[in-house]
C-alpha cells in the first residue's frame, strides 16, 4: 500500500461539501489523480480510524483562464466523496 501522503491531499471545505457532510455523513477530499477507490478507502480508514461504506471519485478538469491576454489552464485534480458508516464522524475536520 502507498503511504497516506501519496493518496490524500486535504479535505475539500466548501459550502456544498459542508452541506453534504451534515445531511448525509459524507466527506469530500482532494486526492492524487493516480489514487483509486480502494486506496482512498484504506487511507481514510487508517488516517482517521473510521469505517468507510463507499467512495465516489470524479476528475475535475482545469478551467481555461485568461490573464493579461494570455490564455492559460488551471491544473486538473481528483475529488473523492467518502460516505462513512452510520454513527461515524471525523473529528479533525469538524
Protein backbone atom coordinates (compact mmCIF):
# COMPACT_ATOMS: atom_id res chain seq x y z
CA UNK A 1 0.00 0.00 0.00
CA UNK A 2 1.14 3.53 -0.79
CA UNK A 3 1.80 5.96 2.07
CA UNK A 4 -1.22 8.08 3.03
CA UNK A 5 0.54 11.28 1.90
CA UNK A 6 0.74 9.81 -1.63
CA UNK A 7 -3.05 9.33 -1.73
CA UNK A 8 -4.78 12.10 0.27
CA UNK A 9 -4.05 15.79 -0.19
CA UNK A 10 -6.52 17.53 2.13
CA UNK A 11 -10.24 17.84 2.99
CA UNK A 12 -12.15 19.93 0.48
CA UNK A 13 -14.09 22.52 2.51
CA UNK A 14 -16.77 24.37 0.55
CA UNK A 15 -20.38 25.27 1.27
CA UNK A 16 -21.57 22.29 -0.74
CA UNK A 17 -19.20 19.82 0.96
CA UNK A 18 -20.24 21.13 4.38
CA UNK A 19 -23.91 20.68 3.48
CA UNK A 20 -23.50 17.06 2.34
CA UNK A 21 -21.40 16.33 5.44
CA UNK A 22 -24.26 17.47 7.68
CA UNK A 23 -27.07 15.87 5.67
CA UNK A 24 -25.66 12.51 4.61
CA UNK A 25 -22.43 11.88 6.58
CA UNK A 26 -20.22 12.26 3.50
CA UNK A 27 -16.81 13.93 3.44
CA UNK A 28 -15.03 15.41 0.42
CA UNK A 29 -11.26 15.14 -0.07
CA UNK A 30 -8.84 16.31 -2.72
CA UNK A 31 -6.77 13.25 -3.67
CA UNK A 32 -3.92 12.42 -6.02
CA UNK A 33 -5.08 11.77 -9.60
CA UNK A 34 -3.46 8.32 -9.60
CA UNK A 35 -5.34 7.11 -6.48
CA UNK A 36 -8.13 4.58 -6.90
CA UNK A 37 -11.21 3.95 -4.72
CA UNK A 38 -9.69 1.05 -2.79
CA UNK A 39 -6.55 3.01 -1.91
CA UNK A 40 -8.63 6.03 -0.87
CA UNK A 41 -10.85 3.87 1.37
CA UNK A 42 -7.86 2.25 3.10
CA UNK A 43 -6.10 5.61 3.55
CA UNK A 44 -9.17 7.26 5.13
CA UNK A 45 -9.75 4.30 7.46
CA UNK A 46 -6.09 4.25 8.52
CA UNK A 47 -5.71 8.02 8.93
CA UNK A 48 -8.98 8.79 10.78
CA UNK A 49 -9.86 5.37 12.37
CA UNK A 50 -13.38 5.31 10.88
CA UNK A 51 -15.40 2.76 8.86
CA UNK A 52 -15.91 3.80 5.22
CA UNK A 53 -19.00 2.47 3.42
CA UNK A 54 -18.47 3.91 -0.06
CA UNK A 55 -16.11 6.06 -2.10
CA UNK A 56 -17.13 8.01 -5.20
CA UNK A 57 -14.49 9.78 -7.27
CA UNK A 58 -14.59 12.37 -10.01
CA UNK A 59 -11.95 14.08 -12.10
CA UNK A 60 -12.22 17.87 -12.08
CA UNK A 61 -10.89 19.37 -15.30
CA UNK A 62 -8.84 22.55 -15.12
CA UNK A 63 -10.57 25.69 -16.29
CA UNK A 64 -9.28 27.95 -19.04
CA UNK A 65 -8.32 31.34 -17.61
CA UNK A 66 -7.07 34.46 -19.31
CA UNK A 67 -4.57 36.78 -17.60
CA UNK A 68 -3.44 39.94 -19.37
CA UNK A 69 -4.45 38.47 -22.70
CA UNK A 70 -2.52 35.22 -22.22
CA UNK A 71 -4.61 32.07 -22.22
CA UNK A 72 -3.72 29.52 -19.57
CA UNK A 73 -5.21 26.47 -17.90
CA UNK A 74 -5.57 25.58 -14.25
CA UNK A 75 -4.44 22.15 -13.13
CA UNK A 76 -6.82 19.20 -13.27
CA UNK A 77 -7.36 17.30 -10.00
CA UNK A 78 -9.34 14.46 -8.47
CA UNK A 79 -12.09 14.68 -5.86
CA UNK A 80 -13.26 11.83 -3.61
CA UNK A 81 -16.63 11.81 -1.82
CA UNK A 82 -16.42 9.37 1.10
CA UNK A 83 -19.53 8.06 2.88
CA UNK A 84 -18.93 6.87 6.43
CA UNK A 85 -20.83 4.19 8.32
CA UNK A 86 -23.78 5.21 10.48
CA UNK A 87 -22.62 6.98 13.64
CA UNK A 88 -19.04 7.57 12.43
CA UNK A 89 -17.59 11.09 12.22
CA UNK A 90 -14.20 12.63 11.55
CA UNK A 91 -13.47 14.94 14.49
CA UNK A 92 -10.36 16.54 12.93
CA UNK A 93 -12.38 18.06 10.09
CA UNK A 94 -15.37 19.38 12.04
